[in-house]
């Protein structure tokens, strides 16, 4: 089991291909646009050389050794031949993903694991056209997976435990940090936590509590500094003398009061959002004209 197929040669597909090659796997990258996969390999060569120069190359193999493991294909059947694992990285459009896996299933053996990089679509929807769904799962990376190692492994209701174990072992071997979800849920774990932060940040700005610039500082110079090292559960555990239970005895009522005061889901695209969007655009332009040192 040494060959992996990556379907889709965009940013995510290229990044996955580089991750797998860094772990010593042969990688076949496929794109349905003729010549696109070959262009992706050229782009990966450039990236790997830049990473090597910056001493950020992953894995124990040299650039030339990793590149020798990556090949490009315009023919799906050829790209799938001999692979034990398939990582899909096409557009975040449900019907496209469903059709891709329907086509793939007809071209691979029953033991080949089928994995999707989808950010939001639940496995039960992505794989609804697949006959043997016990070998299907979502492996949701944080973009781009070469630089951000977390990957959420989300099972289909029919996914076999052995498939989850094999994928977890694969992701660990190539240097990722896999987390196992016990069942599928809309948005998975990362996006649900992220959505809660986005919604509250949006509300605080729209309600005039804080500026766009300062709410970003709350994260970049506050919570982000903390959560870059430890998660929310461990933070609470360490913030009270007797651990998590003690923390909730001390601060649980405050948490409940704050949470019950949160408003409804904000309107992210209506008239009320325009001022916020314009302010953020202006701040980004200012940052570009005055680069951080």
Protein backbone atom coordinates (compact mmCIF):
# COMPACT_ATOMS: atom_id res chain seq x y z
CA UNK A 1 0.00 0.00 0.00
CA UNK A 2 2.22 2.78 -1.26
CA UNK A 3 0.23 4.65 -3.93
CA UNK A 4 -2.34 7.41 -3.41
CA UNK A 5 -4.50 9.18 -5.99
CA UNK A 6 -5.37 12.86 -5.58
CA UNK A 7 -8.32 14.03 -7.68
CA UNK A 8 -8.20 17.75 -8.42
CA UNK A 9 -5.02 19.77 -8.94
CA UNK A 10 -5.98 23.09 -7.34
CA UNK A 11 -4.46 24.50 -4.15
CA UNK A 12 -5.83 21.74 -1.88
CA UNK A 13 -4.98 18.95 -4.31
CA UNK A 14 -1.42 20.18 -4.80
CA UNK A 15 -0.95 20.58 -1.07
CA UNK A 16 -2.25 17.07 -0.34
CA UNK A 17 0.04 15.65 -3.04
CA UNK A 18 3.03 17.34 -1.42
CA UNK A 19 2.02 16.05 2.03
CA UNK A 20 1.69 12.45 0.84
CA UNK A 21 4.96 12.59 -1.13
CA UNK A 22 6.76 14.00 1.91
CA UNK A 23 5.72 10.82 3.73
CA UNK A 24 7.23 8.62 1.02
CA UNK A 25 4.05 7.70 -0.86
CA UNK A 26 3.77 7.58 -4.63
CA UNK A 27 1.16 10.15 -5.65
CA UNK A 28 -0.89 10.22 -8.83
CA UNK A 29 -2.56 13.60 -9.29
CA UNK A 30 -5.49 13.80 -11.72
CA UNK A 31 -7.42 16.69 -13.23
CA UNK A 32 -10.21 16.47 -15.82
CA UNK A 33 -8.83 19.51 -17.66
CA UNK A 34 -6.13 18.22 -20.03
CA UNK A 35 -2.66 19.41 -19.06
CA UNK A 36 -3.78 20.90 -15.75
CA UNK A 37 -2.30 18.14 -13.60
CA UNK A 38 1.06 18.51 -15.38
CA UNK A 39 1.01 22.25 -14.66
CA UNK A 40 0.30 21.43 -11.03
CA UNK A 41 3.43 19.28 -10.84
CA UNK A 42 5.47 22.18 -12.23
CA UNK A 43 3.99 24.45 -9.56
CA UNK A 44 4.74 21.89 -6.86
CA UNK A 45 8.36 21.70 -8.00
CA UNK A 46 8.66 25.46 -7.55
CA UNK A 47 7.03 25.32 -4.10
CA UNK A 48 9.16 22.43 -2.88
CA UNK A 49 12.35 24.16 -3.99
CA UNK A 50 11.31 27.35 -2.17
CA UNK A 51 10.46 25.34 0.95
CA UNK A 52 13.81 23.58 0.81
CA UNK A 53 15.63 26.90 0.50
CA UNK A 54 13.72 28.21 3.51
CA UNK A 55 14.48 24.97 5.43
CA UNK A 56 10.74 24.25 5.70
CA UNK A 57 10.61 21.11 3.54
CA UNK A 58 8.61 18.36 5.23
CA UNK A 59 9.75 14.76 5.49
CA UNK A 60 13.13 13.05 5.26
CA UNK A 61 13.30 12.89 1.45
CA UNK A 62 15.00 15.49 -0.74
CA UNK A 63 13.12 17.68 -3.20
CA UNK A 64 14.17 15.50 -6.12
CA UNK A 65 13.14 12.33 -4.29
CA UNK A 66 9.70 13.76 -3.45
CA UNK A 67 9.15 15.02 -6.98
CA UNK A 68 10.04 11.59 -8.35
CA UNK A 69 7.07 10.21 -6.38
CA UNK A 70 4.53 12.58 -8.00
CA UNK A 71 3.06 11.93 -11.45
CA UNK A 72 0.27 13.67 -13.38
CA UNK A 73 -2.67 12.15 -15.26
CA UNK A 74 -5.45 13.28 -17.58
CA UNK A 75 -7.05 9.83 -17.58
CA UNK A 76 -8.95 8.89 -14.43
CA UNK A 77 -8.64 5.13 -14.82
CA UNK A 78 -4.86 5.37 -15.18
CA UNK A 79 -4.64 7.72 -12.21
CA UNK A 80 -6.53 5.24 -10.01
CA UNK A 81 -4.65 2.12 -11.03
CA UNK A 82 -2.74 0.61 -8.11
CA UNK A 83 -3.86 3.13 -5.47
CA UNK A 84 -5.11 2.07 -2.04
CA UNK A 85 -6.38 5.54 -1.06
CA UNK A 86 -8.17 8.29 -3.03
CA UNK A 87 -8.29 11.90 -1.81
CA UNK A 88 -10.86 14.02 -3.70
CA UNK A 89 -10.18 17.77 -3.93
CA UNK A 90 -12.62 19.11 -6.53
CA UNK A 91 -14.91 22.15 -6.31
CA UNK A 92 -17.04 22.53 -3.19
CA UNK A 93 -20.16 21.63 -5.17
CA UNK A 94 -22.14 18.61 -3.96
CA UNK A 95 -23.29 17.19 -7.30
CA UNK A 96 -19.75 17.35 -8.73
CA UNK A 97 -18.34 15.44 -5.75
CA UNK A 98 -21.14 12.87 -5.91
CA UNK A 99 -20.48 12.23 -9.60
CA UNK A 100 -16.72 11.98 -9.07
CA UNK A 101 -17.11 9.25 -6.46
CA UNK A 102 -19.69 7.43 -8.55
CA UNK A 103 -17.17 7.34 -11.41
CA UNK A 104 -14.28 6.39 -9.13
CA UNK A 105 -16.13 3.45 -7.58
CA UNK A 106 -16.53 1.82 -10.98
CA UNK A 107 -12.76 1.96 -11.53
CA UNK A 108 -11.31 0.74 -8.23
CA UNK A 109 -11.41 -2.39 -6.11
CA UNK A 110 -13.72 -2.78 -3.11
CA UNK A 111 -10.92 -2.27 -0.58
CA UNK A 112 -9.81 1.15 -1.87
CA UNK A 113 -10.59 3.93 0.62
CA UNK A 114 -12.53 6.90 -0.78
CA UNK A 115 -11.91 10.19 1.02
CA UNK A 116 -13.27 13.69 0.39
CA UNK A 117 -11.67 17.02 1.29
CA UNK A 118 -15.08 18.73 1.53
CA UNK A 119 -15.27 21.58 4.05
CA UNK A 120 -19.00 21.47 4.77
CA UNK A 121 -20.82 18.63 3.00
CA UNK A 122 -21.74 15.68 5.20
CA UNK A 123 -20.44 12.24 4.16
CA UNK A 124 -23.97 10.84 3.85
CA UNK A 125 -24.59 13.38 1.07
CA UNK A 126 -21.19 13.25 -0.62
CA UNK A 127 -21.22 9.45 -0.94
CA UNK A 128 -24.93 8.87 -1.59
CA UNK A 129 -24.21 7.50 -5.09
CA UNK A 130 -21.53 5.07 -3.89
CA UNK A 131 -22.64 1.47 -3.46
CA UNK A 132 -20.07 0.36 -0.85
CA UNK A 133 -20.11 3.23 1.62
CA UNK A 134 -18.26 1.37 4.36
CA UNK A 135 -14.95 2.49 2.77
CA UNK A 136 -15.93 6.20 2.57
CA UNK A 137 -15.09 9.14 4.83
CA UNK A 138 -14.32 12.84 4.83
CA UNK A 139 -10.74 13.93 5.56
CA UNK A 140 -11.25 17.68 5.94
CA UNK A 141 -7.97 19.61 5.94
CA UNK A 142 -7.32 23.13 7.12
CA UNK A 143 -6.28 25.11 4.07
CA UNK A 144 -3.55 24.51 3.03
CA UNK A 145 -2.79 21.12 4.62
CA UNK A 146 0.95 21.33 3.92
CA UNK A 147 1.28 24.21 6.39
CA UNK A 148 -1.64 23.54 8.79
CA UNK A 149 -1.53 19.96 9.97
CA UNK A 150 -4.99 19.42 11.46
CA UNK A 151 -7.30 17.10 9.51
CA UNK A 152 -10.80 16.13 10.62
CA UNK A 153 -11.76 12.51 9.92
CA UNK A 154 -15.55 12.32 9.61
CA UNK A 155 -17.26 8.95 9.08
CA UNK A 156 -20.24 8.12 6.91
CA UNK A 157 -22.90 6.35 9.04
CA UNK A 158 -21.78 3.10 7.36
CA UNK A 159 -17.99 3.67 7.50
CA UNK A 160 -16.07 0.66 8.84
CA UNK A 161 -13.94 1.21 11.94
CA UNK A 162 -10.95 -0.27 10.10
CA UNK A 163 -11.23 2.44 7.43
CA UNK A 164 -11.10 5.16 10.08
CA UNK A 165 -8.11 3.46 11.74
CA UNK A 166 -6.23 3.07 8.44
CA UNK A 167 -6.82 6.71 7.50
CA UNK A 168 -5.81 7.91 10.95
CA UNK A 169 -2.58 5.92 10.69
CA UNK A 170 -1.92 7.28 7.18
CA UNK A 171 -2.44 10.89 8.23
CA UNK A 172 -0.21 10.43 11.27
CA UNK A 173 2.53 8.82 9.18
CA UNK A 174 2.65 11.77 6.75
CA UNK A 175 2.88 14.26 9.62
CA UNK A 176 -0.70 15.51 9.89
CA UNK A 177 -2.64 15.83 13.16
CA UNK A 178 -5.85 13.82 12.64
CA UNK A 179 -8.86 14.23 14.92
CA UNK A 180 -11.64 11.64 14.87
CA UNK A 181 -15.29 12.67 14.83
CA UNK A 182 -17.48 9.88 16.17
CA UNK A 183 -20.35 10.76 13.84
CA UNK A 184 -21.16 13.18 11.05
CA UNK A 185 -22.51 16.64 11.84
CA UNK A 186 -23.08 19.69 9.66
CA UNK A 187 -19.89 21.76 9.52
CA UNK A 188 -17.86 19.10 11.38
CA UNK A 189 -16.00 20.39 14.47
CA UNK A 190 -13.63 23.07 13.20
CA UNK A 191 -16.18 24.98 11.15
CA UNK A 192 -18.76 24.88 13.96
CA UNK A 193 -16.27 26.41 16.40
CA UNK A 194 -15.18 28.89 13.73
CA UNK A 195 -18.80 29.80 12.92
CA UNK A 196 -19.50 30.58 16.58
CA UNK A 197 -16.50 32.94 16.70
CA UNK A 198 -17.47 34.61 13.40
CA UNK A 199 -21.09 35.09 14.46
CA UNK A 200 -20.27 36.68 17.82
CA UNK A 201 -17.55 38.86 16.31
CA UNK A 202 -19.96 40.05 13.62
CA UNK A 203 -22.68 40.81 16.19
CA UNK A 204 -20.34 42.80 18.43
CA UNK A 205 -19.26 44.98 15.51
CA UNK A 206 -22.76 45.47 14.10
CA UNK A 207 -24.13 46.38 17.54
CA UNK A 208 -21.45 49.06 17.98
CA UNK A 209 -19.69 47.34 20.86
CA UNK A 210 -16.27 47.18 19.21
CA UNK A 211 -14.56 48.15 15.95
CA UNK A 212 -13.59 45.78 13.14
CA UNK A 213 -9.92 46.40 13.85
CA UNK A 214 -10.20 45.75 17.57
CA UNK A 215 -12.27 42.56 17.31
CA UNK A 216 -9.46 41.14 15.17
CA UNK A 217 -7.00 42.15 17.89
CA UNK A 218 -9.10 40.29 20.46
CA UNK A 219 -8.21 37.14 18.53
CA UNK A 220 -4.71 37.86 17.17
CA UNK A 221 -3.32 39.34 20.40
CA UNK A 222 -5.54 37.52 22.90
CA UNK A 223 -7.43 34.28 22.35
CA UNK A 224 -5.36 33.35 19.32
CA UNK A 225 -2.12 33.58 21.29
CA UNK A 226 -3.56 31.24 23.91
CA UNK A 227 -5.33 28.78 21.62
CA UNK A 228 -2.25 28.42 19.40
CA UNK A 229 -0.79 26.29 22.20
CA UNK A 230 -3.70 24.79 24.13
CA UNK A 231 -7.39 24.27 23.40
CA UNK A 232 -10.44 25.59 25.25
CA UNK A 233 -10.90 22.52 27.47
CA UNK A 234 -7.29 22.48 28.63
CA UNK A 235 -7.36 26.26 29.09
CA UNK A 236 -10.32 25.98 31.46
CA UNK A 237 -8.72 23.06 33.29
CA UNK A 238 -5.55 25.08 33.91
CA UNK A 239 -7.42 28.26 34.86
CA UNK A 240 -8.80 26.91 38.12
CA UNK A 241 -6.93 25.34 41.06
CA UNK A 242 -8.92 22.08 40.96
CA UNK A 243 -9.32 21.73 37.20
CA UNK A 244 -12.29 21.82 34.83
CA UNK A 245 -15.01 21.03 37.37
CA UNK A 246 -13.71 23.76 39.64
CA UNK A 247 -13.63 26.19 36.69
CA UNK A 248 -17.29 25.56 35.94
CA UNK A 249 -18.25 26.02 39.58
CA UNK A 250 -16.51 29.39 39.54
CA UNK A 251 -17.43 30.67 36.09
CA UNK A 252 -20.20 28.46 34.70
CA UNK A 253 -22.99 30.87 35.63
CA UNK A 254 -21.17 33.72 33.89
CA UNK A 255 -20.81 31.59 30.77
CA UNK A 256 -24.54 30.77 30.82
CA UNK A 257 -25.47 34.44 31.23
CA UNK A 258 -23.23 35.51 28.33
CA UNK A 259 -24.46 32.72 26.05
CA UNK A 260 -28.13 33.44 26.71
CA UNK A 261 -27.53 37.11 25.87
CA UNK A 262 -26.15 36.26 22.41
CA UNK A 263 -28.44 37.37 19.62
CA UNK A 264 -29.74 35.54 16.56
CA UNK A 265 -27.57 34.48 13.62
CA UNK A 266 -26.36 37.72 11.97
CA UNK A 267 -27.21 38.75 8.42
CA UNK A 268 -23.85 38.36 6.70
CA UNK A 269 -24.87 39.65 3.26
CA UNK A 270 -27.70 42.19 3.68
CA UNK A 271 -27.67 45.98 3.93
CA UNK A 272 -26.45 45.85 7.51
CA UNK A 273 -23.29 44.06 6.43
CA UNK A 274 -22.10 46.65 3.91
CA UNK A 275 -20.49 49.04 6.39
CA UNK A 276 -18.58 46.23 8.07
CA UNK A 277 -17.36 44.88 4.71
CA UNK A 278 -16.25 48.34 3.57
CA UNK A 279 -14.34 48.95 6.80
CA UNK A 280 -12.53 45.61 6.47
CA UNK A 281 -11.63 46.37 2.85
CA UNK A 282 -10.16 49.71 3.91
CA UNK A 283 -8.14 48.14 6.73
CA UNK A 284 -6.71 45.51 4.36
CA UNK A 285 -5.71 48.21 1.88
CA UNK A 286 -3.99 50.15 4.66
CA UNK A 287 -2.10 47.05 5.77
CA UNK A 288 -0.95 46.34 2.23
CA UNK A 289 0.42 49.88 1.88
CA UNK A 290 2.14 49.62 5.28
CA UNK A 291 3.48 46.03 5.55
CA UNK A 292 3.99 44.58 9.00
CA UNK A 293 7.59 44.40 10.17
